[in-house]
Amino acid sequence: MTATSPTPETSATPPAPAPASAAALHAPVIEWFDTHARDLPWRRPEAGAWGVMVSEFMLQQTPVSRVLPVYEAWLARWPRPADLAKEPPGEAVRAWGRLGYPRRALRLHGAAQAITERYGGDVPSEHAQLISLPGIGEYTAAAVASFAYGQRHAVLDTNVRRVFARAVTGVQFPPNATTAAERKLARSLLPPDEPTAARWAAASMELGALVCTAKGEECVRCPIADRCAWRLAGKPAHDGPARRGQTYAGTDRQVRGKLLAVLREALTPVPQEALDAVWDEPVQRARALDGLVADGLVEPMENGVYRLPLS
C-alpha cells in the first residue's frame, strides 16, 4: 500500500452495472483472494475501523513485515483513538520506531484527536467525514470506508494500479502519478453492490502485492492470466516509467533518522552534544535537525536541549 491519492467512487444513486469485461475479472480474483489472502491483523473483525486506519497510515511506503510488530504494539497501547489523543504527540513519534516517514505518526495523532473531539471517539464511516480528518487524503478515506465499513469505493494504491495497468490497459507499469484515466477505469471496474466492491478492492490489492508485483509477475499463479491484456500482448516492456530504487545512505533522511532515534530512546531532553555525536558533517546535521523542528517532530528548548513534542 502507498500514498497515492485516488478519487473514490461515491454516488447517491445506484451504480450502473459493471461492463461484462469487468465482471469477468471479479469472480476469479475474489475467489483467489478467498483462498490466498494473508491473515493480517487489520483484516480481522476485531481490528475495527481504528485498526484499519492505523494500518493504512503505517503501510504507506512500508512493507508489511516491518509494520506488523509496530502495529500490534500500537494497538495494544492505544486500542481506541481517544487513548492516543490524550497522549503527547511525541509519544506517537516514539512508538513509531523505525518505520520511517515519522510525520505519519503526527498525522495519525492529529486524526485521533479530531475523531475524539468531533465523533465521540469512533472513526466515522462517511467518506466526507473521513477525508476531513487531519492527515487523511482521498486514498486513506476510501480505504477505511471500504475495508472497515464495506462501502463501494475505488481504492487505488500502487498495487491495484499495476494490476489494472497490466490486466486491462495492457501496459507493464502505471504512470508515476495517478491519472484521471486510471480513476475512471477503477470506477468502471467496481462491482455494482457494496459488499462485492469492498471485497474486490481488497482482492485486487492483494493480487498486486503477492502475484502481479513490480519486481516480477508470476503469471502461473494469477487467476486472470488468461485474460490479462499485457500478457496476451506478449508482455511488451518499457510501457511504463523507469523504476529507480530510493537511495538512503548519506542522505538527509538518514541523518534525520539517526537524530530522531536518539530522541526516541531518551526519557529526558537531549543536549546538543548528544545529537552532534550521531553525524560528523555539521552542515548536513544542522540542516536535518532544523527540518525535524520545522516538521514538528522535535521541540527545541532553552540551553540547547531538544525533546519530542509535547503539544
C-alpha atoms as a PDB file:
ATOM      1  CA  MET A   1       0.000   0.000   0.000  1.00  0.00           C
ATOM      2  CA  THR A   2       1.162   3.531  -0.915  1.00  0.00           C
ATOM      3  CA  ALA A   3       0.281   7.244  -0.564  1.00  0.00           C
ATOM      4  CA  THR A   4      -1.147   7.791  -3.976  1.00  0.00           C
ATOM      5  CA  SER A   5      -4.346   9.822  -3.989  1.00  0.00           C
ATOM      6  CA  PRO A   6      -7.262   8.243  -5.826  1.00  0.00           C
ATOM      7  CA  THR A   7     -10.714   9.617  -6.335  1.00  0.00           C
ATOM      8  CA  PRO A   8     -13.268   7.353  -4.643  1.00  0.00           C
ATOM      9  CA  GLU A   9     -16.466   6.239  -6.314  1.00  0.00           C
ATOM     10  CA  THR A  10     -19.407   7.594  -4.379  1.00  0.00           C
ATOM     11  CA  SER A  11     -22.922   8.148  -5.584  1.00  0.00           C
ATOM     12  CA  ALA A  12     -26.333   8.875  -4.132  1.00  0.00           C
ATOM     13  CA  THR A  13     -27.946   6.822  -6.908  1.00  0.00           C
ATOM     14  CA  PRO A  14     -27.497   3.102  -7.538  1.00  0.00           C
ATOM     15  CA  PRO A  15     -24.346   2.491  -9.624  1.00  0.00           C
ATOM     16  CA  ALA A  16     -24.602   1.204 -13.149  1.00  0.00           C
ATOM     17  CA  PRO A  17     -23.727  -2.451 -13.666  1.00  0.00           C
ATOM     18  CA  ALA A  18     -20.084  -3.137 -14.431  1.00  0.00           C
ATOM     19  CA  PRO A  19     -19.215  -3.902 -18.060  1.00  0.00           C
ATOM     20  CA  ALA A  20     -19.047  -7.552 -18.986  1.00  0.00           C
ATOM     21  CA  SER A  21     -15.264  -7.421 -19.310  1.00  0.00           C
ATOM     22  CA  ALA A  22     -15.028  -6.050 -15.774  1.00  0.00           C
ATOM     23  CA  ALA A  23     -17.458  -8.595 -14.375  1.00  0.00           C
ATOM     24  CA  ALA A  24     -15.328 -11.366 -15.864  1.00  0.00           C
ATOM     25  CA  LEU A  25     -12.460 -10.264 -13.627  1.00  0.00           C
ATOM     26  CA  HIS A  26     -14.363 -10.093 -10.359  1.00  0.00           C
ATOM     27  CA  ALA A  27     -15.141 -13.730  -9.590  1.00  0.00           C
ATOM     28  CA  PRO A  28     -11.693 -15.245 -10.272  1.00  0.00           C
ATOM     29  CA  VAL A  29      -9.840 -12.520  -8.370  1.00  0.00           C
ATOM     30  CA  ILE A  30     -12.187 -12.647  -5.387  1.00  0.00           C
ATOM     31  CA  GLU A  31     -12.120 -16.476  -5.334  1.00  0.00           C
ATOM     32  CA  TRP A  32      -8.329 -16.385  -5.434  1.00  0.00           C
ATOM     33  CA  PHE A  33      -8.352 -13.898  -2.545  1.00  0.00           C
ATOM     34  CA  ASP A  34     -10.659 -16.113  -0.505  1.00  0.00           C
ATOM     35  CA  THR A  35      -8.025 -18.851  -0.677  1.00  0.00           C
ATOM     36  CA  HIS A  36      -4.742 -16.932  -0.686  1.00  0.00           C
ATOM     37  CA  ALA A  37      -5.310 -13.768   1.361  1.00  0.00           C
ATOM     38  CA  ARG A  38      -2.775 -13.250   4.111  1.00  0.00           C
ATOM     39  CA  ASP A  39      -4.057 -13.413   7.672  1.00  0.00           C
ATOM     40  CA  LEU A  40      -3.229  -9.858   8.680  1.00  0.00           C
ATOM     41  CA  PRO A  41      -4.424  -8.384  11.973  1.00  0.00           C
ATOM     42  CA  TRP A  42      -6.098  -5.363  10.394  1.00  0.00           C
ATOM     43  CA  ARG A  43      -8.261  -7.698   8.306  1.00  0.00           C
ATOM     44  CA  ARG A  44      -9.736  -9.422  11.338  1.00  0.00           C
ATOM     45  CA  PRO A  45     -13.147  -8.297  12.600  1.00  0.00           C
ATOM     46  CA  GLU A  46     -11.755  -7.309  15.992  1.00  0.00           C
ATOM     47  CA  ALA A  47      -9.459  -4.729  14.362  1.00  0.00           C
ATOM     48  CA  GLY A  48     -12.385  -2.399  13.746  1.00  0.00           C
ATOM     49  CA  ALA A  49     -12.178   0.860  11.852  1.00  0.00           C
ATOM     50  CA  TRP A  50      -9.434   2.239  14.093  1.00  0.00           C
ATOM     51  CA  GLY A  51      -7.229  -0.777  13.416  1.00  0.00           C
ATOM     52  CA  VAL A  52      -7.806  -0.371   9.689  1.00  0.00           C
ATOM     53  CA  MET A  53      -6.936   3.318   9.860  1.00  0.00           C
ATOM     54  CA  VAL A  54      -3.735   2.688  11.829  1.00  0.00           C
ATOM     55  CA  SER A  55      -2.670   0.056   9.305  1.00  0.00           C
ATOM     56  CA  GLU A  56      -3.287   2.392   6.376  1.00  0.00           C
ATOM     57  CA  PHE A  57      -1.079   5.074   7.904  1.00  0.00           C
ATOM     58  CA  MET A  58       1.695   2.604   8.682  1.00  0.00           C
ATOM     59  CA  LEU A  59       1.634   0.746   5.371  1.00  0.00           C
ATOM     60  CA  GLN A  60       2.332   3.830   3.266  1.00  0.00           C
ATOM     61  CA  GLN A  61       5.693   3.132   1.606  1.00  0.00           C
ATOM     62  CA  THR A  62       6.447   0.491   4.248  1.00  0.00           C
ATOM     63  CA  PRO A  63       6.358  -3.318   3.840  1.00  0.00           C
ATOM     64  CA  VAL A  64       4.008  -5.481   5.885  1.00  0.00           C
ATOM     65  CA  SER A  65       6.860  -7.303   7.636  1.00  0.00           C
ATOM     66  CA  ARG A  66       8.105  -4.054   9.191  1.00  0.00           C
ATOM     67  CA  VAL A  67       4.635  -2.801  10.065  1.00  0.00           C
ATOM     68  CA  LEU A  68       3.358  -5.884  11.914  1.00  0.00           C
ATOM     69  CA  PRO A  69       5.283  -5.588  15.221  1.00  0.00           C
ATOM     70  CA  VAL A  70       4.781  -1.821  15.442  1.00  0.00           C
ATOM     71  CA  TYR A  71       1.089  -2.136  14.589  1.00  0.00           C
ATOM     72  CA  GLU A  72       0.481  -4.755  17.266  1.00  0.00           C
ATOM     73  CA  ALA A  73       2.322  -2.759  19.930  1.00  0.00           C
ATOM     74  CA  TRP A  74       0.462   0.415  18.899  1.00  0.00           C
ATOM     75  CA  LEU A  75      -2.984  -1.176  19.187  1.00  0.00           C
ATOM     76  CA  ALA A  76      -2.082  -2.818  22.488  1.00  0.00           C
ATOM     77  CA  ARG A  77      -1.153   0.583  23.893  1.00  0.00           C
ATOM     78  CA  TRP A  78      -3.809   2.669  22.138  1.00  0.00           C
ATOM     79  CA  PRO A  79      -6.789   0.426  21.297  1.00  0.00           C
ATOM     80  CA  ARG A  80      -9.037   3.425  20.622  1.00  0.00           C
ATOM     81  CA  PRO A  81      -8.435   6.875  19.132  1.00  0.00           C
ATOM     82  CA  ALA A  82      -9.136   8.529  22.500  1.00  0.00           C
ATOM     83  CA  ASP A  83      -6.302   6.550  24.092  1.00  0.00           C
ATOM     84  CA  LEU A  84      -3.829   8.033  21.637  1.00  0.00           C
ATOM     85  CA  ALA A  85      -5.403  11.502  21.663  1.00  0.00           C
ATOM     86  CA  LYS A  86      -4.743  12.007  25.366  1.00  0.00           C
ATOM     87  CA  GLU A  87      -1.016  11.329  24.946  1.00  0.00           C
ATOM     88  CA  PRO A  88       1.516  13.965  23.806  1.00  0.00           C
ATOM     89  CA  PRO A  89       2.274  13.745  20.074  1.00  0.00           C
ATOM     90  CA  GLY A  90       5.878  12.939  20.920  1.00  0.00           C
ATOM     91  CA  GLU A  91       4.753   9.596  22.304  1.00  0.00           C
ATOM     92  CA  ALA A  92       3.292   8.729  18.907  1.00  0.00           C
ATOM     93  CA  VAL A  93       6.646   9.602  17.318  1.00  0.00           C
ATOM     94  CA  ARG A  94       8.444   7.469  19.910  1.00  0.00           C
ATOM     95  CA  ALA A  95       6.167   4.470  19.332  1.00  0.00           C
ATOM     96  CA  TRP A  96       6.534   4.829  15.564  1.00  0.00           C
ATOM     97  CA  GLY A  97      10.037   3.469  15.963  1.00  0.00           C
ATOM     98  CA  ARG A  98      11.944   2.854  12.742  1.00  0.00           C
ATOM     99  CA  LEU A  99       9.007   2.677  10.349  1.00  0.00           C
ATOM    100  CA  GLY A 100      10.274   5.776   8.579  1.00  0.00           C
ATOM    101  CA  TYR A 101       8.453   8.917   7.447  1.00  0.00           C
ATOM    102  CA  PRO A 102       7.632   9.773  11.090  1.00  0.00           C
ATOM    103  CA  ARG A 103       5.381  12.681  10.176  1.00  0.00           C
ATOM    104  CA  ARG A 104       2.796   9.954   9.634  1.00  0.00           C
ATOM    105  CA  ALA A 105       2.817   9.444  13.415  1.00  0.00           C
ATOM    106  CA  LEU A 106       1.981  13.104  13.998  1.00  0.00           C
ATOM    107  CA  ARG A 107      -0.788  12.961  11.400  1.00  0.00           C
ATOM    108  CA  LEU A 108      -2.268   9.841  12.966  1.00  0.00           C
ATOM    109  CA  HIS A 109      -2.157  11.521  16.367  1.00  0.00           C
ATOM    110  CA  GLY A 110      -3.927  14.555  14.906  1.00  0.00           C
ATOM    111  CA  ALA A 111      -6.575  12.321  13.347  1.00  0.00           C
ATOM    112  CA  ALA A 112      -7.126  10.585  16.696  1.00  0.00           C
ATOM    113  CA  GLN A 113      -7.648  13.943  18.396  1.00  0.00           C
ATOM    114  CA  ALA A 114     -10.158  15.034  15.751  1.00  0.00           C
ATOM    115  CA  ILE A 115     -12.027  11.718  15.958  1.00  0.00           C
ATOM    116  CA  THR A 116     -12.238  12.095  19.738  1.00  0.00           C
ATOM    117  CA  GLU A 117     -13.380  15.707  19.615  1.00  0.00           C
ATOM    118  CA  ARG A 118     -15.799  15.524  16.665  1.00  0.00           C
ATOM    119  CA  TYR A 119     -17.121  11.967  16.658  1.00  0.00           C
ATOM    120  CA  GLY A 120     -17.050  10.793  20.260  1.00  0.00           C
ATOM    121  CA  GLY A 121     -14.024   8.593  19.706  1.00  0.00           C
ATOM    122  CA  ASP A 122     -15.497   6.470  16.909  1.00  0.00           C
ATOM    123  CA  VAL A 123     -13.900   6.503  13.468  1.00  0.00           C
ATOM    124  CA  PRO A 124     -16.580   7.979  11.175  1.00  0.00           C
ATOM    125  CA  SER A 125     -17.947   5.878   8.347  1.00  0.00           C
ATOM    126  CA  GLU A 126     -18.797   8.601   5.835  1.00  0.00           C
ATOM    127  CA  HIS A 127     -16.151   9.351   3.230  1.00  0.00           C
ATOM    128  CA  ALA A 128     -16.655  13.112   3.556  1.00  0.00           C
ATOM    129  CA  GLN A 129     -16.111  12.898   7.316  1.00  0.00           C
ATOM    130  CA  LEU A 130     -13.045  10.712   6.923  1.00  0.00           C
ATOM    131  CA  ILE A 131     -11.393  13.000   4.399  1.00  0.00           C
ATOM    132  CA  SER A 132     -11.969  15.986   6.684  1.00  0.00           C
ATOM    133  CA  LEU A 133      -9.697  14.447   9.334  1.00  0.00           C
ATOM    134  CA  PRO A 134      -6.101  15.720   9.601  1.00  0.00           C
ATOM    135  CA  GLY A 135      -3.617  13.703   7.593  1.00  0.00           C
ATOM    136  CA  ILE A 136      -6.210  11.748   5.612  1.00  0.00           C
ATOM    137  CA  GLY A 137      -6.343  12.074   1.853  1.00  0.00           C
ATOM    138  CA  GLU A 138      -8.584  10.524  -0.748  1.00  0.00           C
ATOM    139  CA  TYR A 139      -6.811   7.175  -0.754  1.00  0.00           C
ATOM    140  CA  THR A 140      -6.937   6.646   3.032  1.00  0.00           C
ATOM    141  CA  ALA A 141     -10.547   7.818   3.267  1.00  0.00           C
ATOM    142  CA  ALA A 142     -11.591   5.404   0.516  1.00  0.00           C
ATOM    143  CA  ALA A 143      -9.572   2.553   2.033  1.00  0.00           C
ATOM    144  CA  VAL A 144     -11.064   2.962   5.521  1.00  0.00           C
ATOM    145  CA  ALA A 145     -14.600   3.324   4.173  1.00  0.00           C
ATOM    146  CA  SER A 146     -14.126   0.220   2.033  1.00  0.00           C
ATOM    147  CA  PHE A 147     -12.110  -2.087   4.285  1.00  0.00           C
ATOM    148  CA  ALA A 148     -13.664  -1.102   7.615  1.00  0.00           C
ATOM    149  CA  TYR A 149     -17.238  -0.351   6.573  1.00  0.00           C
ATOM    150  CA  GLY A 150     -17.715  -2.436   3.428  1.00  0.00           C
ATOM    151  CA  GLN A 151     -18.568   0.521   1.194  1.00  0.00           C
ATOM    152  CA  ARG A 152     -18.188   0.873  -2.574  1.00  0.00           C
ATOM    153  CA  HIS A 153     -15.091   2.911  -3.388  1.00  0.00           C
ATOM    154  CA  ALA A 154     -12.278   2.747  -5.906  1.00  0.00           C
ATOM    155  CA  VAL A 155      -9.232   2.172  -3.714  1.00  0.00           C
ATOM    156  CA  LEU A 156      -6.201   2.891  -5.874  1.00  0.00           C
ATOM    157  CA  ASP A 157      -2.851   2.110  -4.340  1.00  0.00           C
ATOM    158  CA  THR A 158       0.271   1.233  -6.330  1.00  0.00           C
ATOM    159  CA  ASN A 159      -0.533  -2.491  -6.324  1.00  0.00           C
ATOM    160  CA  VAL A 160      -4.051  -2.003  -7.657  1.00  0.00           C
ATOM    161  CA  ARG A 161      -2.876   0.464 -10.297  1.00  0.00           C
ATOM    162  CA  ARG A 162      -0.305  -2.048 -11.529  1.00  0.00           C
ATOM    163  CA  VAL A 163      -2.876  -4.868 -11.760  1.00  0.00           C
ATOM    164  CA  PHE A 164      -5.267  -2.664 -13.725  1.00  0.00           C
ATOM    165  CA  ALA A 165      -2.484  -1.364 -15.984  1.00  0.00           C
ATOM    166  CA  ARG A 166      -1.486  -4.883 -16.967  1.00  0.00           C
ATOM    167  CA  ALA A 167      -4.775  -6.763 -16.931  1.00  0.00           C
ATOM    168  CA  VAL A 168      -6.942  -4.100 -18.561  1.00  0.00           C
ATOM    169  CA  THR A 169      -4.808  -1.408 -20.182  1.00  0.00           C
ATOM    170  CA  GLY A 170      -2.098  -3.764 -21.430  1.00  0.00           C
ATOM    171  CA  VAL A 171       0.962  -1.874 -20.191  1.00  0.00           C
ATOM    172  CA  GLN A 172       3.654  -3.054 -17.815  1.00  0.00           C
ATOM    173  CA  PHE A 173       3.514  -0.214 -15.293  1.00  0.00           C
ATOM    174  CA  PRO A 174       1.097   2.588 -14.425  1.00  0.00           C
ATOM    175  CA  PRO A 175       2.261   6.222 -14.618  1.00  0.00           C
ATOM    176  CA  ASN A 176       4.224   7.715 -11.746  1.00  0.00           C
ATOM    177  CA  ALA A 177       1.207   9.674 -10.536  1.00  0.00           C
ATOM    178  CA  THR A 178      -2.408   8.579 -10.589  1.00  0.00           C
ATOM    179  CA  THR A 179      -4.208   9.942 -13.645  1.00  0.00           C
ATOM    180  CA  ALA A 180      -7.816  10.810 -14.379  1.00  0.00           C
ATOM    181  CA  ALA A 181      -7.909   7.904 -16.832  1.00  0.00           C
ATOM    182  CA  GLU A 182      -6.882   5.472 -14.090  1.00  0.00           C
ATOM    183  CA  ARG A 183      -9.562   6.799 -11.767  1.00  0.00           C
ATOM    184  CA  LYS A 184     -12.180   6.453 -14.458  1.00  0.00           C
ATOM    185  CA  LEU A 185     -11.054   2.905 -15.185  1.00  0.00           C
ATOM    186  CA  ALA A 186     -11.106   1.971 -11.488  1.00  0.00           C
ATOM    187  CA  ARG A 187     -14.660   3.254 -11.150  1.00  0.00           C
ATOM    188  CA  SER A 188     -15.741   1.326 -14.242  1.00  0.00           C
ATOM    189  CA  LEU A 189     -14.303  -1.868 -12.756  1.00  0.00           C
ATOM    190  CA  LEU A 190     -16.195  -1.610  -9.469  1.00  0.00           C
ATOM    191  CA  PRO A 191     -18.813  -4.318  -8.880  1.00  0.00           C
ATOM    192  CA  PRO A 192     -22.258  -2.767  -8.512  1.00  0.00           C
ATOM    193  CA  ASP A 193     -23.039  -3.962  -4.969  1.00  0.00           C
ATOM    194  CA  GLU A 194     -21.174  -2.697  -1.924  1.00  0.00           C
ATOM    195  CA  PRO A 195     -20.046  -5.995  -0.304  1.00  0.00           C
ATOM    196  CA  THR A 196     -18.609  -7.324  -3.563  1.00  0.00           C
ATOM    197  CA  ALA A 197     -16.996  -3.970  -4.357  1.00  0.00           C
ATOM    198  CA  ALA A 198     -15.282  -3.903  -0.958  1.00  0.00           C
ATOM    199  CA  ARG A 199     -14.064  -7.476  -1.446  1.00  0.00           C
ATOM    200  CA  TRP A 200     -12.845  -6.613  -4.945  1.00  0.00           C
ATOM    201  CA  ALA A 201     -10.860  -3.666  -3.580  1.00  0.00           C
ATOM    202  CA  ALA A 202      -9.038  -5.881  -1.086  1.00  0.00           C
ATOM    203  CA  ALA A 203      -8.599  -8.751  -3.553  1.00  0.00           C
ATOM    204  CA  SER A 204      -7.125  -6.677  -6.382  1.00  0.00           C
ATOM    205  CA  MET A 205      -4.743  -5.048  -3.915  1.00  0.00           C
ATOM    206  CA  GLU A 206      -3.580  -8.432  -2.616  1.00  0.00           C
ATOM    207  CA  LEU A 207      -3.106  -9.730  -6.149  1.00  0.00           C
ATOM    208  CA  GLY A 208      -0.735  -6.855  -6.877  1.00  0.00           C
ATOM    209  CA  ALA A 209       1.123  -7.346  -3.608  1.00  0.00           C
ATOM    210  CA  LEU A 210       1.664 -11.113  -3.945  1.00  0.00           C
ATOM    211  CA  VAL A 211       1.486 -12.094  -7.619  1.00  0.00           C
ATOM    212  CA  CYS A 212       1.476  -9.182 -10.052  1.00  0.00           C
ATOM    213  CA  THR A 213       4.399  -7.437  -8.397  1.00  0.00           C
ATOM    214  CA  ALA A 214       6.662  -4.664  -9.646  1.00  0.00           C
ATOM    215  CA  LYS A 215       9.805  -6.799  -9.455  1.00  0.00           C
ATOM    216  CA  GLY A 216       8.423  -9.880 -11.176  1.00  0.00           C
ATOM    217  CA  GLU A 217       4.958 -11.073 -12.101  1.00  0.00           C
ATOM    218  CA  GLU A 218       4.053 -14.738 -11.512  1.00  0.00           C
ATOM    219  CA  CYS A 219       1.513 -15.383 -14.230  1.00  0.00           C
ATOM    220  CA  VAL A 220       1.293 -19.086 -13.421  1.00  0.00           C
ATOM    221  CA  ARG A 221      -0.266 -18.112 -10.088  1.00  0.00           C
ATOM    222  CA  CYS A 222      -2.525 -15.386 -11.464  1.00  0.00           C
ATOM    223  CA  PRO A 223      -6.263 -16.147 -11.579  1.00  0.00           C
ATOM    224  CA  ILE A 224      -6.793 -13.814 -14.560  1.00  0.00           C
ATOM    225  CA  ALA A 225      -3.684 -14.612 -16.588  1.00  0.00           C
ATOM    226  CA  ASP A 226      -5.808 -15.968 -19.427  1.00  0.00           C
ATOM    227  CA  ARG A 227      -7.485 -12.572 -19.901  1.00  0.00           C
ATOM    228  CA  CYS A 228      -4.607 -10.224 -18.981  1.00  0.00           C
ATOM    229  CA  ALA A 229      -4.168  -7.710 -21.804  1.00  0.00           C
ATOM    230  CA  TRP A 230      -0.452  -7.230 -21.149  1.00  0.00           C
ATOM    231  CA  ARG A 231       0.266 -10.971 -21.123  1.00  0.00           C
ATOM    232  CA  LEU A 232      -1.819 -11.577 -24.243  1.00  0.00           C
ATOM    233  CA  ALA A 233       0.126  -8.815 -25.999  1.00  0.00           C
ATOM    234  CA  GLY A 234       3.393 -10.616 -25.288  1.00  0.00           C
ATOM    235  CA  LYS A 235       4.361  -8.557 -22.233  1.00  0.00           C
ATOM    236  CA  PRO A 236       5.794  -5.544 -24.072  1.00  0.00           C
ATOM    237  CA  ALA A 237       8.424  -3.880 -21.902  1.00  0.00           C
ATOM    238  CA  HIS A 238       9.114  -0.220 -21.187  1.00  0.00           C
ATOM    239  CA  ASP A 239       5.459   0.760 -21.350  1.00  0.00           C
ATOM    240  CA  GLY A 240       5.747   2.473 -18.011  1.00  0.00           C
ATOM    241  CA  PRO A 241       8.168   4.865 -16.327  1.00  0.00           C
ATOM    242  CA  ALA A 242      11.545   3.565 -15.218  1.00  0.00           C
ATOM    243  CA  ARG A 243      11.529   2.459 -11.593  1.00  0.00           C
ATOM    244  CA  ARG A 244      14.508   3.762  -9.665  1.00  0.00           C
ATOM    245  CA  GLY A 245      15.433   2.486  -6.230  1.00  0.00           C
ATOM    246  CA  GLN A 246      15.410   5.045  -3.436  1.00  0.00           C
ATOM    247  CA  THR A 247      18.819   5.914  -2.025  1.00  0.00           C
ATOM    248  CA  TYR A 248      19.153   6.282   1.738  1.00  0.00           C
ATOM    249  CA  ALA A 249      22.786   6.110   2.871  1.00  0.00           C
ATOM    250  CA  GLY A 250      24.260   9.558   3.324  1.00  0.00           C
ATOM    251  CA  THR A 251      21.017  11.421   2.733  1.00  0.00           C
ATOM    252  CA  ASP A 252      19.350  13.981   4.976  1.00  0.00           C
ATOM    253  CA  ARG A 253      16.702  11.360   5.596  1.00  0.00           C
ATOM    254  CA  GLN A 254      19.300   9.053   7.128  1.00  0.00           C
ATOM    255  CA  VAL A 255      20.619  11.846   9.321  1.00  0.00           C
ATOM    256  CA  ARG A 256      17.097  12.728  10.435  1.00  0.00           C
ATOM    257  CA  GLY A 257      16.523   9.081  11.351  1.00  0.00           C
ATOM    258  CA  LYS A 258      19.680   8.949  13.442  1.00  0.00           C
ATOM    259  CA  LEU A 259      18.841  12.170  15.280  1.00  0.00           C
ATOM    260  CA  LEU A 260      15.274  11.059  15.913  1.00  0.00           C
ATOM    261  CA  ALA A 261      16.458   7.665  17.195  1.00  0.00           C
ATOM    262  CA  VAL A 262      18.449   9.385  19.955  1.00  0.00           C
ATOM    263  CA  LEU A 263      15.422  11.447  20.967  1.00  0.00           C
ATOM    264  CA  ARG A 264      13.058   8.458  20.896  1.00  0.00           C
ATOM    265  CA  GLU A 265      15.281   6.434  23.183  1.00  0.00           C
ATOM    266  CA  ALA A 266      15.805   9.252  25.704  1.00  0.00           C
ATOM    267  CA  LEU A 267      13.393   9.716  28.589  1.00  0.00           C
ATOM    268  CA  THR A 268      14.633  13.255  29.231  1.00  0.00           C
ATOM    269  CA  PRO A 269      15.549  16.161  26.934  1.00  0.00           C
ATOM    270  CA  VAL A 270      18.689  15.568  24.876  1.00  0.00           C
ATOM    271  CA  PRO A 271      21.609  18.026  24.843  1.00  0.00           C
ATOM    272  CA  GLN A 272      23.047  19.272  21.556  1.00  0.00           C
ATOM    273  CA  GLU A 273      26.314  17.406  22.044  1.00  0.00           C
ATOM    274  CA  ALA A 274      24.495  14.072  22.150  1.00  0.00           C
ATOM    275  CA  LEU A 275      22.936  14.857  18.785  1.00  0.00           C
ATOM    276  CA  ASP A 276      26.222  16.094  17.381  1.00  0.00           C
ATOM    277  CA  ALA A 277      27.739  12.695  18.074  1.00  0.00           C
ATOM    278  CA  VAL A 278      25.491  10.837  15.618  1.00  0.00           C
ATOM    279  CA  TRP A 279      26.753  12.529  12.424  1.00  0.00           C
ATOM    280  CA  ASP A 280      30.140  14.057  11.664  1.00  0.00           C
ATOM    281  CA  GLU A 281      29.192  16.554   8.953  1.00  0.00           C
ATOM    282  CA  PRO A 282      27.944  19.653  10.830  1.00  0.00           C
ATOM    283  CA  VAL A 283      26.152  21.434   7.969  1.00  0.00           C
ATOM    284  CA  GLN A 284      24.088  18.421   6.986  1.00  0.00           C
ATOM    285  CA  ARG A 285      23.429  17.558  10.624  1.00  0.00           C
ATOM    286  CA  ALA A 286      22.174  21.074  11.363  1.00  0.00           C
ATOM    287  CA  ARG A 287      20.008  21.044   8.247  1.00  0.00           C
ATOM    288  CA  ALA A 288      18.453  17.713   9.244  1.00  0.00           C
ATOM    289  CA  LEU A 289      17.793  18.901  12.796  1.00  0.00           C
ATOM    290  CA  ASP A 290      16.245  22.137  11.536  1.00  0.00           C
ATOM    291  CA  GLY A 291      13.999  20.050   9.281  1.00  0.00           C
ATOM    292  CA  LEU A 292      12.834  17.924  12.203  1.00  0.00           C
ATOM    293  CA  VAL A 293      11.997  21.065  14.165  1.00  0.00           C
ATOM    294  CA  ALA A 294      10.167  22.610  11.197  1.00  0.00           C
ATOM    295  CA  ASP A 295       8.130  19.411  10.751  1.00  0.00           C
ATOM    296  CA  GLY A 296       7.037  19.463  14.397  1.00  0.00           C
ATOM    297  CA  LEU A 297       8.852  16.226  15.198  1.00  0.00           C
ATOM    298  CA  VAL A 298      11.329  17.831  17.599  1.00  0.00           C
ATOM    299  CA  GLU A 299      10.987  20.742  20.032  1.00  0.00           C
ATOM    300  CA  PRO A 300      13.998  22.940  20.869  1.00  0.00           C
ATOM    301  CA  MET A 301      14.264  24.061  24.477  1.00  0.00           C
ATOM    302  CA  GLU A 302      16.423  26.536  26.326  1.00  0.00           C
ATOM    303  CA  ASN A 303      20.131  25.851  26.867  1.00  0.00           C
ATOM    304  CA  GLY A 304      20.498  23.876  23.637  1.00  0.00           C
ATOM    305  CA  VAL A 305      18.488  20.789  24.502  1.00  0.00           C
ATOM    306  CA  TYR A 306      15.799  19.064  22.443  1.00  0.00           C
ATOM    307  CA  ARG A 307      12.845  16.758  23.072  1.00  0.00           C
ATOM    308  CA  LEU A 308       9.983  15.063  21.279  1.00  0.00           C
ATOM    309  CA  PRO A 309       6.902  17.329  21.013  1.00  0.00           C
ATOM    310  CA  LEU A 310       4.520  17.626  23.957  1.00  0.00           C
ATOM    311  CA  SER A 311       1.768  19.515  22.137  1.00  0.00           C
END
